[in-house]
Protein backbone atom coordinates (compact mmCIF):
# COMPACT_ATOMS: atom_id res chain seq x y z
CA MET A 1 13.67 8.65 9.29
CA VAL A 2 10.85 10.30 11.09
CA GLU A 3 11.30 13.18 8.61
CA VAL A 4 10.24 11.02 6.06
CA GLY A 5 7.12 9.87 7.58
CA ALA A 6 6.12 13.52 8.14
CA VAL A 7 6.49 14.24 4.34
CA ALA A 8 4.63 11.21 3.22
CA TYR A 9 1.79 12.12 5.26
CA GLN A 10 1.00 15.40 3.25
CA PRO A 11 0.05 13.81 -0.16
CA GLY A 12 -2.07 11.35 1.63
CA VAL A 13 -4.08 14.15 3.17
CA ALA A 14 -4.18 16.16 -0.20
CA VAL A 15 -6.32 13.22 -1.65
CA GLY A 16 -8.78 12.87 1.26
CA GLY A 17 -6.81 10.37 3.12
CA ALA A 18 -7.74 11.76 6.46
CA ARG A 19 -11.31 10.86 6.17
CA ALA A 20 -10.32 7.12 5.52
CA GLU A 21 -11.09 5.20 8.70
CA ARG A 22 -8.49 2.61 8.15
CA TRP A 23 -5.41 2.84 5.99
CA ILE A 24 -3.45 0.00 4.13
CA ALA A 25 0.44 0.85 3.82
CA LEU A 26 2.75 -0.68 1.07
CA SER A 27 6.49 -1.04 1.93
CA ASP A 28 9.17 -2.22 0.31
CA GLY A 29 10.94 -3.75 3.43
CA GLY A 30 13.65 -1.46 3.83
CA ASN A 31 15.18 -1.20 7.32
CA GLY A 32 13.19 1.02 9.66
CA LEU A 33 10.51 2.09 7.06
CA GLU A 34 7.52 0.41 9.00
CA GLU A 35 8.38 1.75 12.30
CA CYS A 36 9.14 5.52 10.89
CA GLY A 37 5.56 5.64 9.56
CA ARG A 38 3.62 4.68 12.37
CA PRO A 39 3.65 7.90 14.24
CA HIS A 40 2.44 9.76 11.28
CA PHE A 41 -0.04 7.15 9.89
CA PRO A 42 -1.86 5.98 13.03
CA ARG A 43 -4.71 4.57 11.16
CA VAL A 44 -2.62 2.04 9.50
CA ALA A 45 -4.09 -1.57 9.89
CA VAL A 46 -2.07 -3.71 7.98
CA VAL A 47 1.30 -3.12 6.22
CA ILE A 48 1.76 -4.98 3.05
CA LEU A 49 5.42 -5.54 2.41
CA ASP A 50 7.28 -5.64 -0.94
CA CYS A 51 4.67 -4.29 -3.27
CA TYR A 52 6.10 -6.17 -6.09
CA HIS A 53 4.87 -9.41 -4.53
CA ALA A 54 1.60 -7.96 -3.67
CA ALA A 55 1.10 -7.28 -7.23
CA GLU A 56 1.83 -10.60 -8.45
CA TYR A 57 -0.88 -11.76 -6.01
CA LEU A 58 -3.32 -9.42 -7.48
CA SER A 59 -2.37 -10.43 -10.78
CA ASP A 60 -2.87 -13.89 -10.00
CA LEU A 61 -6.24 -13.14 -8.47
CA ALA A 62 -7.44 -11.37 -11.77
CA ASN A 63 -6.42 -14.27 -13.93
CA ALA A 64 -8.23 -16.69 -12.07
CA TRP A 65 -11.48 -14.34 -11.59
CA CYS A 66 -11.61 -13.36 -15.18
CA GLY A 67 -9.70 -16.01 -17.13
CA ALA A 68 -5.68 -15.43 -17.86
CA ASP A 69 -6.50 -15.37 -21.49
CA THR A 70 -9.00 -12.33 -21.37
CA GLN A 71 -8.04 -8.83 -21.46
CA ALA A 72 -9.66 -8.09 -17.93
CA GLY A 73 -7.34 -10.94 -16.53
CA GLU A 74 -4.38 -9.24 -18.10
CA THR A 75 -5.17 -5.69 -17.00
């Protein structure tokens, strides 16, 4: 599993992740994924488990903020 963390780090560096002060990690909650990433992603401040549910919460927020019947609330 440690190899996965090393490989996953490279795309983040390529888009400027090394300049970020803090990182937010998304994980599907697979066994050991969170721990395998810690050595390679030391700036992770929080891990959001199950991206699907996080996206649902963001959708609810967008609907509440922009209105569920608006195009902005749906996108």
